[in-house]
Protein backbone atom coordinates (compact mmCIF):
# COMPACT_ATOMS: atom_id res chain seq x y z
CA MET A 1 -52.02 5.88 -54.75
CA ARG A 2 -49.48 4.45 -52.31
CA SER A 3 -50.18 4.72 -48.61
CA PHE A 4 -48.09 7.11 -46.52
CA LYS A 5 -49.31 5.60 -43.24
CA GLY A 6 -46.35 4.56 -41.10
CA SER A 7 -43.81 5.81 -43.63
CA HIS A 8 -41.03 8.38 -43.33
CA ARG A 9 -40.30 11.29 -45.68
CA ILE A 10 -37.07 12.17 -47.45
CA VAL A 11 -36.38 14.65 -50.25
CA LEU A 12 -33.43 14.00 -52.54
CA HIS A 13 -32.62 16.04 -55.67
CA ASP A 14 -36.02 17.80 -55.46
CA ILE A 15 -37.90 14.48 -55.45
CA GLU A 16 -39.96 13.53 -52.42
CA TYR A 17 -39.84 9.88 -51.39
CA ARG A 18 -41.51 7.90 -48.64
CA TRP A 19 -39.91 4.88 -47.03
CA HIS A 20 -40.43 2.22 -44.41
CA ALA A 21 -38.25 -0.43 -42.82
CA LYS A 22 -39.62 -3.59 -41.24
CA GLY A 23 -37.85 -6.24 -39.25
CA ASN A 24 -37.96 -9.69 -40.72
CA ASP A 25 -36.38 -13.00 -39.84
CA GLY A 26 -32.66 -12.19 -39.98
CA PHE A 27 -32.84 -8.94 -41.93
CA ILE A 28 -34.50 -5.53 -42.25
CA LEU A 29 -36.75 -5.16 -45.30
CA ILE A 30 -36.64 -1.64 -46.80
CA GLY A 31 -39.19 -0.12 -49.18
CA ILE A 32 -38.81 3.28 -50.85
CA TRP A 33 -41.12 5.00 -53.33
CA PRO A 34 -41.41 8.46 -54.91
CA THR A 35 -44.56 10.34 -53.93
CA ASN A 36 -45.17 11.44 -57.53
CA ASN A 37 -46.89 8.06 -58.15
CA ILE A 38 -44.84 7.66 -61.33
CA GLY A 39 -41.54 6.02 -60.41
CA PRO A 40 -41.40 2.41 -59.27
CA ASN A 41 -40.74 1.14 -55.77
CA ILE A 42 -37.20 0.42 -54.63
CA ILE A 43 -36.82 -2.52 -52.27
CA GLY A 44 -33.87 -4.15 -50.59
CA ASN A 45 -32.66 -5.45 -47.26
CA LEU A 46 -29.89 -5.13 -44.73
CA LYS A 47 -28.82 -7.47 -41.96
CA TYR A 48 -29.29 -6.31 -38.38
CA HIS A 49 -25.53 -6.23 -37.78
CA GLU A 50 -26.02 -6.68 -34.06
CA THR A 51 -23.31 -7.85 -31.68
CA ALA A 52 -23.54 -11.48 -30.64
CA VAL A 53 -23.03 -12.17 -26.93
CA ASP A 54 -22.06 -15.60 -25.58
CA LYS A 55 -24.66 -16.76 -23.06
CA GLY A 56 -22.06 -19.00 -21.44
CA ASP A 57 -23.68 -22.24 -22.50
CA GLY A 58 -22.40 -22.28 -26.07
CA ARG A 59 -25.36 -20.30 -27.38
CA LEU A 60 -25.31 -16.72 -28.63
CA THR A 61 -27.82 -13.96 -28.08
CA SER A 62 -28.15 -10.46 -29.47
CA ALA A 63 -26.74 -7.51 -27.53
CA GLY A 64 -29.71 -5.49 -28.83
CA ASP A 65 -27.51 -3.03 -30.70
CA GLN A 66 -28.84 -3.62 -34.21
CA ILE A 67 -28.60 -0.90 -36.82
CA VAL A 68 -31.48 1.56 -37.13
CA ILE A 69 -32.57 2.61 -40.60
CA THR A 70 -32.55 6.41 -40.89
CA ASN A 71 -32.75 8.95 -43.71
CA ARG A 72 -28.94 8.77 -44.01
CA ILE A 73 -29.11 5.07 -44.98
CA ILE A 74 -32.14 5.64 -47.22
CA ARG A 75 -30.33 8.48 -49.03
CA ARG A 76 -27.45 6.11 -49.79
CA ILE A 77 -29.83 3.47 -51.12
CA ILE A 78 -31.57 5.95 -53.44
CA GLU A 79 -28.23 7.34 -54.65
CA HIS A 80 -27.05 3.79 -55.38
CA ALA A 81 -30.28 3.01 -57.26
CA VAL A 82 -29.89 6.13 -59.41
CA SER A 83 -26.15 5.95 -60.10
CA GLU A 84 -25.61 2.20 -60.36
CA CYS A 85 -28.98 0.86 -61.51
CA GLY A 86 -30.27 3.69 -63.71
CA TYR A 87 -33.29 4.29 -61.47
CA ASP A 88 -35.37 7.31 -62.51
CA PRO A 89 -38.21 8.36 -60.18
CA ASN A 90 -39.93 10.16 -63.05
CA VAL A 91 -40.25 7.13 -65.33
CA LYS A 92 -42.74 4.31 -64.91
CA GLY A 93 -41.16 0.92 -64.57
CA ALA A 94 -41.00 -2.35 -62.71
CA GLU A 95 -40.14 -2.47 -59.04
CA LEU A 96 -36.38 -2.27 -58.49
CA ASP A 97 -35.26 -5.06 -56.14
CA LEU A 98 -31.74 -4.25 -54.96
CA MET A 99 -31.77 -7.40 -52.83
CA THR A 100 -29.07 -7.52 -50.14
CA LEU A 101 -27.46 -4.11 -49.64
CA ASP A 102 -24.87 -4.92 -46.95
CA ASP A 103 -21.94 -4.93 -49.39
CA VAL A 104 -23.36 -2.21 -51.63
CA ILE A 105 -23.99 0.80 -49.40
CA ARG A 106 -22.15 2.15 -46.39
CA TRP A 107 -23.91 1.27 -43.11
CA ASP A 108 -20.98 1.24 -40.64
CA ASP A 109 -21.91 4.69 -39.28
CA ALA A 110 -25.56 3.76 -38.76
CA VAL A 111 -27.36 4.66 -35.56
CA ARG A 112 -27.52 1.70 -33.19
CA ALA A 113 -30.47 0.62 -31.08
CA SER A 114 -29.93 0.17 -27.40
CA LYS A 115 -31.43 -2.75 -25.53
CA ALA A 116 -34.02 -1.63 -22.99
CA THR A 117 -33.17 -2.50 -19.42
CA HIS A 118 -35.85 -3.38 -16.91
């Protein structure tokens, strides 16, 4: 049984999935799995796509406006896995690693984080 702790819920085509997204060094790691405990995990990653700001000394820093993974992005990933990779949540199989998704799914309308000001 897969753990639901810290995961989010999405239902697509009458199948319930859980998902999580975790920041990593340079990208966001995404994991998706059907709650029926039959279908394999789907994994992939997206870059942060944050705006780089010149610090004035030749170095760049993040503006803090990285993309936020939401159900809209997850829906697109699942739809891609089903239509382009033959993923079936009702069939046992090996984990589906979609690898880098930046050029595969639409993310340009993603919610953006805002940098906290103190």
